[in-house]
PDB file of all heavy atoms in Angstrom:
ATOM      1  N   ALA A   1      -7.963  11.359  -1.253  1.00  0.00           N
ATOM      2  CA  ALA A   1      -7.727  10.370  -0.201  1.00  0.00           C
ATOM      3  C   ALA A   1      -8.832   9.318  -0.164  1.00  0.00           C
ATOM      4  O   ALA A   1      -8.573   8.123   0.024  1.00  0.00           O
ATOM      5  CB  ALA A   1      -7.611  11.067   1.154  1.00  0.00           C
ATOM      6  N   LEU A   2     -10.081   9.752  -0.343  1.00  0.00           N
ATOM      7  CA  LEU A   2     -11.191   8.802  -0.384  1.00  0.00           C
ATOM      8  C   LEU A   2     -11.067   7.851  -1.574  1.00  0.00           C
ATOM      9  O   LEU A   2     -11.249   6.630  -1.442  1.00  0.00           O
ATOM     10  CB  LEU A   2     -12.517   9.546  -0.457  1.00  0.00           C
ATOM     11  CG  LEU A   2     -13.067  10.089   0.863  1.00  0.00           C
ATOM     12  CD1 LEU A   2     -14.245  11.023   0.605  1.00  0.00           C
ATOM     13  CD2 LEU A   2     -13.488   8.956   1.787  1.00  0.00           C
ATOM     14  N   ILE A   3     -10.754   8.387  -2.722  1.00  0.00           N
ATOM     15  CA  ILE A   3     -10.608   7.561  -3.919  1.00  0.00           C
ATOM     16  C   ILE A   3      -9.507   6.533  -3.728  1.00  0.00           C
ATOM     17  O   ILE A   3      -9.694   5.320  -3.975  1.00  0.00           O
ATOM     18  CB  ILE A   3     -10.308   8.446  -5.145  1.00  0.00           C
ATOM     19  CG1 ILE A   3     -11.529   9.292  -5.508  1.00  0.00           C
ATOM     20  CG2 ILE A   3      -9.871   7.598  -6.339  1.00  0.00           C
ATOM     21  CD1 ILE A   3     -11.241  10.386  -6.525  1.00  0.00           C
ATOM     22  N   GLU A   4      -8.349   6.985  -3.287  1.00  0.00           N
ATOM     23  CA  GLU A   4      -7.217   6.079  -3.122  1.00  0.00           C
ATOM     24  C   GLU A   4      -7.431   5.115  -1.963  1.00  0.00           C
ATOM     25  O   GLU A   4      -6.948   3.975  -1.998  1.00  0.00           O
ATOM     26  CB  GLU A   4      -5.936   6.890  -2.916  1.00  0.00           C
ATOM     27  CG  GLU A   4      -5.566   7.783  -4.090  1.00  0.00           C
ATOM     28  CD  GLU A   4      -5.358   6.996  -5.388  1.00  0.00           C
ATOM     29  OE1 GLU A   4      -4.890   5.840  -5.311  1.00  0.00           O
ATOM     30  OE2 GLU A   4      -5.669   7.543  -6.463  1.00  0.00           O
ATOM     31  N   GLY A   5      -8.156   5.563  -0.938  1.00  0.00           N
ATOM     32  CA  GLY A   5      -8.432   4.690   0.195  1.00  0.00           C
ATOM     33  C   GLY A   5      -9.315   3.518  -0.190  1.00  0.00           C
ATOM     34  O   GLY A   5      -9.075   2.376   0.213  1.00  0.00           O
ATOM     35  N   ILE A   6     -10.341   3.789  -0.989  1.00  0.00           N
ATOM     36  CA  ILE A   6     -11.227   2.708  -1.438  1.00  0.00           C
ATOM     37  C   ILE A   6     -10.461   1.704  -2.298  1.00  0.00           C
ATOM     38  O   ILE A   6     -10.702   0.494  -2.233  1.00  0.00           O
ATOM     39  CB  ILE A   6     -12.427   3.290  -2.204  1.00  0.00           C
ATOM     40  CG1 ILE A   6     -13.313   4.114  -1.256  1.00  0.00           C
ATOM     41  CG2 ILE A   6     -13.249   2.183  -2.858  1.00  0.00           C
ATOM     42  CD1 ILE A   6     -14.426   4.870  -1.942  1.00  0.00           C
ATOM     43  N   LYS A   7      -9.507   2.202  -3.075  1.00  0.00           N
ATOM     44  CA  LYS A   7      -8.715   1.322  -3.931  1.00  0.00           C
ATOM     45  C   LYS A   7      -7.859   0.334  -3.135  1.00  0.00           C
ATOM     46  O   LYS A   7      -7.419  -0.681  -3.685  1.00  0.00           O
ATOM     47  CB  LYS A   7      -7.817   2.150  -4.847  1.00  0.00           C
ATOM     48  CG  LYS A   7      -8.567   2.929  -5.919  1.00  0.00           C
ATOM     49  CD  LYS A   7      -7.610   3.746  -6.766  1.00  0.00           C
ATOM     50  CE  LYS A   7      -8.339   4.554  -7.840  1.00  0.00           C
ATOM     51  NZ  LYS A   7      -7.410   5.377  -8.649  1.00  0.00           N
ATOM     52  N   LEU A   8      -7.632   0.611  -1.859  1.00  0.00           N
ATOM     53  CA  LEU A   8      -6.851  -0.297  -1.027  1.00  0.00           C
ATOM     54  C   LEU A   8      -7.614  -1.573  -0.682  1.00  0.00           C
ATOM     55  O   LEU A   8      -7.010  -2.571  -0.275  1.00  0.00           O
ATOM     56  CB  LEU A   8      -6.435   0.396   0.279  1.00  0.00           C
ATOM     57  CG  LEU A   8      -5.550   1.636   0.170  1.00  0.00           C
ATOM     58  CD1 LEU A   8      -5.295   2.211   1.562  1.00  0.00           C
ATOM     59  CD2 LEU A   8      -4.229   1.302  -0.517  1.00  0.00           C
ATOM     60  N   VAL A   9      -8.939  -1.532  -0.825  1.00  0.00           N
ATOM     61  CA  VAL A   9      -9.800  -2.631  -0.377  1.00  0.00           C
ATOM     62  C   VAL A   9     -10.172  -3.528  -1.560  1.00  0.00           C
ATOM     63  O   VAL A   9     -10.665  -3.028  -2.576  1.00  0.00           O
ATOM     64  CB  VAL A   9     -11.082  -2.083   0.280  1.00  0.00           C
ATOM     65  CG1 VAL A   9     -11.929  -3.221   0.818  1.00  0.00           C
ATOM     66  CG2 VAL A   9     -10.725  -1.103   1.393  1.00  0.00           C
ATOM     67  N   PRO A  10      -9.962  -4.840  -1.447  1.00  0.00           N
ATOM     68  CA  PRO A  10     -10.354  -5.747  -2.540  1.00  0.00           C
ATOM     69  C   PRO A  10     -11.841  -5.630  -2.857  1.00  0.00           C
ATOM     70  O   PRO A  10     -12.667  -5.447  -1.961  1.00  0.00           O
ATOM     71  CB  PRO A  10     -10.017  -7.135  -1.980  1.00  0.00           C
ATOM     72  CG  PRO A  10      -8.972  -6.886  -0.941  1.00  0.00           C
ATOM     73  CD  PRO A  10      -9.322  -5.556  -0.339  1.00  0.00           C
ATOM     74  N   SER A  11     -12.185  -5.722  -4.122  1.00  0.00           N
ATOM     75  CA  SER A  11     -13.574  -5.651  -4.545  1.00  0.00           C
ATOM     76  C   SER A  11     -14.396  -6.732  -3.869  1.00  0.00           C
ATOM     77  O   SER A  11     -13.965  -7.882  -3.742  1.00  0.00           O
ATOM     78  CB  SER A  11     -13.665  -5.816  -6.066  1.00  0.00           C
ATOM     79  OG  SER A  11     -14.997  -5.724  -6.509  1.00  0.00           O
ATOM     80  N   GLY A  12     -15.583  -6.356  -3.378  1.00  0.00           N
ATOM     81  CA  GLY A  12     -16.462  -7.294  -2.697  1.00  0.00           C
ATOM     82  C   GLY A  12     -16.281  -7.338  -1.196  1.00  0.00           C
ATOM     83  O   GLY A  12     -17.090  -7.959  -0.499  1.00  0.00           O
ATOM     84  N   THR A  13     -15.248  -6.673  -0.680  1.00  0.00           N
ATOM     85  CA  THR A  13     -14.997  -6.647   0.761  1.00  0.00           C
ATOM     86  C   THR A  13     -15.769  -5.490   1.395  1.00  0.00           C
ATOM     87  O   THR A  13     -15.554  -4.328   1.051  1.00  0.00           O
ATOM     88  CB  THR A  13     -13.500  -6.472   1.063  1.00  0.00           C
ATOM     89  OG1 THR A  13     -12.770  -7.541   0.466  1.00  0.00           O
ATOM     90  CG2 THR A  13     -13.254  -6.459   2.571  1.00  0.00           C
ATOM     91  N   ALA A  14     -16.672  -5.807   2.308  1.00  0.00           N
ATOM     92  CA  ALA A  14     -17.457  -4.772   2.984  1.00  0.00           C
ATOM     93  C   ALA A  14     -16.578  -4.009   3.966  1.00  0.00           C
ATOM     94  O   ALA A  14     -15.866  -4.625   4.771  1.00  0.00           O
ATOM     95  CB  ALA A  14     -18.644  -5.397   3.704  1.00  0.00           C
ATOM     96  N   VAL A  15     -16.637  -2.698   3.908  1.00  0.00           N
ATOM     97  CA  VAL A  15     -15.807  -1.894   4.796  1.00  0.00           C
ATOM     98  C   VAL A  15     -16.394  -0.497   4.909  1.00  0.00           C
ATOM     99  O   VAL A  15     -17.066  -0.012   3.993  1.00  0.00           O
ATOM    100  CB  VAL A  15     -14.353  -1.819   4.263  1.00  0.00           C
ATOM    101  CG1 VAL A  15     -14.280  -0.982   3.001  1.00  0.00           C
ATOM    102  CG2 VAL A  15     -13.395  -1.270   5.325  1.00  0.00           C
ATOM    103  N   THR A  16     -16.162   0.142   6.038  1.00  0.00           N
ATOM    104  CA  THR A  16     -16.516   1.542   6.229  1.00  0.00           C
ATOM    105  C   THR A  16     -15.297   2.395   5.936  1.00  0.00           C
ATOM    106  O   THR A  16     -14.204   2.127   6.444  1.00  0.00           O
ATOM    107  CB  THR A  16     -16.998   1.798   7.661  1.00  0.00           C
ATOM    108  OG1 THR A  16     -18.153   1.010   7.925  1.00  0.00           O
ATOM    109  CG2 THR A  16     -17.352   3.269   7.861  1.00  0.00           C
ATOM    110  N   VAL A  17     -15.492   3.402   5.114  1.00  0.00           N
ATOM    111  CA  VAL A  17     -14.414   4.319   4.769  1.00  0.00           C
ATOM    112  C   VAL A  17     -14.681   5.636   5.491  1.00  0.00           C
ATOM    113  O   VAL A  17     -15.719   6.262   5.285  1.00  0.00           O
ATOM    114  CB  VAL A  17     -14.338   4.551   3.255  1.00  0.00           C
ATOM    115  CG1 VAL A  17     -13.206   5.510   2.914  1.00  0.00           C
ATOM    116  CG2 VAL A  17     -14.150   3.226   2.529  1.00  0.00           C
ATOM    117  N   TYR A  18     -13.755   6.040   6.340  1.00  0.00           N
ATOM    118  CA  TYR A  18     -13.929   7.230   7.168  1.00  0.00           C
ATOM    119  C   TYR A  18     -13.188   8.431   6.574  1.00  0.00           C
ATOM    120  O   TYR A  18     -12.059   8.318   6.093  1.00  0.00           O
ATOM    121  CB  TYR A  18     -13.393   6.981   8.577  1.00  0.00           C
ATOM    122  CG  TYR A  18     -14.150   5.942   9.366  1.00  0.00           C
ATOM    123  CD1 TYR A  18     -13.732   4.608   9.374  1.00  0.00           C
ATOM    124  CD2 TYR A  18     -15.278   6.280  10.103  1.00  0.00           C
ATOM    125  CE1 TYR A  18     -14.416   3.643  10.101  1.00  0.00           C
ATOM    126  CE2 TYR A  18     -15.980   5.324  10.823  1.00  0.00           C
ATOM    127  CZ  TYR A  18     -15.538   4.009  10.821  1.00  0.00           C
ATOM    128  OH  TYR A  18     -16.219   3.046  11.545  1.00  0.00           O
ATOM    129  N   THR A  19     -13.835   9.581   6.624  1.00  0.00           N
ATOM    130  CA  THR A  19     -13.217  10.851   6.266  1.00  0.00           C
ATOM    131  C   THR A  19     -13.559  11.872   7.335  1.00  0.00           C
ATOM    132  O   THR A  19     -14.688  11.874   7.850  1.00  0.00           O
ATOM    133  CB  THR A  19     -13.701  11.353   4.896  1.00  0.00           C
ATOM    134  OG1 THR A  19     -13.196  12.695   4.675  1.00  0.00           O
ATOM    135  CG2 THR A  19     -15.224  11.398   4.808  1.00  0.00           C
ATOM    136  N   ASP A  20     -12.614  12.732   7.683  1.00  0.00           N
ATOM    137  CA  ASP A  20     -12.944  13.785   8.650  1.00  0.00           C
ATOM    138  C   ASP A  20     -13.418  15.054   7.950  1.00  0.00           C
ATOM    139  O   ASP A  20     -13.561  16.104   8.574  1.00  0.00           O
ATOM    140  CB  ASP A  20     -11.778  14.062   9.600  1.00  0.00           C
ATOM    141  CG  ASP A  20     -10.532  14.577   8.916  1.00  0.00           C
ATOM    142  OD1 ASP A  20     -10.618  15.009   7.760  1.00  0.00           O
ATOM    143  OD2 ASP A  20      -9.446  14.546   9.542  1.00  0.00           O
ATOM    144  N   SER A  21     -13.679  14.955   6.650  1.00  0.00           N
ATOM    145  CA  SER A  21     -14.288  16.058   5.911  1.00  0.00           C
ATOM    146  C   SER A  21     -15.780  15.793   5.776  1.00  0.00           C
ATOM    147  O   SER A  21     -16.200  14.951   4.972  1.00  0.00           O
ATOM    148  CB  SER A  21     -13.652  16.189   4.521  1.00  0.00           C
ATOM    149  OG  SER A  21     -14.407  17.064   3.718  1.00  0.00           O
ATOM    150  N   ASN A  22     -16.573  16.509   6.555  1.00  0.00           N
ATOM    151  CA  ASN A  22     -18.021  16.357   6.445  1.00  0.00           C
ATOM    152  C   ASN A  22     -18.497  16.775   5.055  1.00  0.00           C
ATOM    153  O   ASN A  22     -19.460  16.225   4.514  1.00  0.00           O
ATOM    154  CB  ASN A  22     -18.709  17.193   7.527  1.00  0.00           C
ATOM    155  CG  ASN A  22     -20.159  16.785   7.741  1.00  0.00           C
ATOM    156  OD1 ASN A  22     -20.535  15.636   7.524  1.00  0.00           O
ATOM    157  ND2 ASN A  22     -20.981  17.723   8.175  1.00  0.00           N
ATOM    158  N   LEU A  23     -17.797  17.726   4.467  1.00  0.00           N
ATOM    159  CA  LEU A  23     -18.136  18.180   3.125  1.00  0.00           C
ATOM    160  C   LEU A  23     -17.964  17.044   2.115  1.00  0.00           C
ATOM    161  O   LEU A  23     -18.826  16.817   1.264  1.00  0.00           O
ATOM    162  CB  LEU A  23     -17.252  19.364   2.753  1.00  0.00           C
ATOM    163  CG  LEU A  23     -17.593  20.094   1.450  1.00  0.00           C
ATOM    164  CD1 LEU A  23     -18.952  20.760   1.529  1.00  0.00           C
ATOM    165  CD2 LEU A  23     -16.514  21.119   1.138  1.00  0.00           C
ATOM    166  N   ALA A  24     -16.866  16.307   2.208  1.00  0.00           N
ATOM    167  CA  ALA A  24     -16.621  15.195   1.294  1.00  0.00           C
ATOM    168  C   ALA A  24     -17.625  14.070   1.518  1.00  0.00           C
ATOM    169  O   ALA A  24     -18.135  13.468   0.565  1.00  0.00           O
ATOM    170  CB  ALA A  24     -15.199  14.676   1.463  1.00  0.00           C
ATOM    171  N   ALA A  25     -17.918  13.781   2.787  1.00  0.00           N
ATOM    172  CA  ALA A  25     -18.876  12.713   3.093  1.00  0.00           C
ATOM    173  C   ALA A  25     -20.263  13.054   2.566  1.00  0.00           C
ATOM    174  O   ALA A  25     -20.946  12.212   1.968  1.00  0.00           O
ATOM    175  CB  ALA A  25     -18.921  12.475   4.605  1.00  0.00           C
ATOM    176  N   ARG A  26     -20.693  14.289   2.767  1.00  0.00           N
ATOM    177  CA  ARG A  26     -22.020  14.691   2.295  1.00  0.00           C
ATOM    178  C   ARG A  26     -22.051  14.762   0.765  1.00  0.00           C
ATOM    179  O   ARG A  26     -23.096  14.489   0.159  1.00  0.00           O
ATOM    180  CB  ARG A  26     -22.405  16.036   2.904  1.00  0.00           C
ATOM    181  CG  ARG A  26     -22.562  15.992   4.421  1.00  0.00           C
ATOM    182  CD  ARG A  26     -23.135  17.281   4.960  1.00  0.00           C
ATOM    183  NE  ARG A  26     -24.539  17.436   4.577  1.00  0.00           N
ATOM    184  CZ  ARG A  26     -25.249  18.537   4.818  1.00  0.00           C
ATOM    185  NH1 ARG A  26     -24.683  19.567   5.424  1.00  0.00           N
ATOM    186  NH2 ARG A  26     -26.512  18.600   4.448  1.00  0.00           N
ATOM    187  N   THR A  27     -20.926  15.112   0.173  1.00  0.00           N
ATOM    188  CA  THR A  27     -20.869  15.150  -1.284  1.00  0.00           C
ATOM    189  C   THR A  27     -21.220  13.795  -1.877  1.00  0.00           C
ATOM    190  O   THR A  27     -22.084  13.691  -2.759  1.00  0.00           O
ATOM    191  CB  THR A  27     -19.468  15.576  -1.756  1.00  0.00           C
ATOM    192  OG1 THR A  27     -19.268  16.962  -1.440  1.00  0.00           O
ATOM    193  CG2 THR A  27     -19.305  15.389  -3.259  1.00  0.00           C
ATOM    194  N   VAL A  28     -20.578  12.742  -1.388  1.00  0.00           N
ATOM    195  CA  VAL A  28     -20.802  11.422  -1.978  1.00  0.00           C
ATOM    196  C   VAL A  28     -22.098  10.781  -1.489  1.00  0.00           C
ATOM    197  O   VAL A  28     -22.753  10.049  -2.233  1.00  0.00           O
ATOM    198  CB  VAL A  28     -19.588  10.508  -1.703  1.00  0.00           C
ATOM    199  CG1 VAL A  28     -19.506  10.118  -0.237  1.00  0.00           C
ATOM    200  CG2 VAL A  28     -19.639   9.267  -2.580  1.00  0.00           C
TER     201      VAL A  28
END
């Protein structure tokens, strides 16, 4: 979901990507 979510945003566009998985957030 994180990978595909980031792909939704045009390159160079600043954005916060939210995940409710603390494990995934800490991983990256």
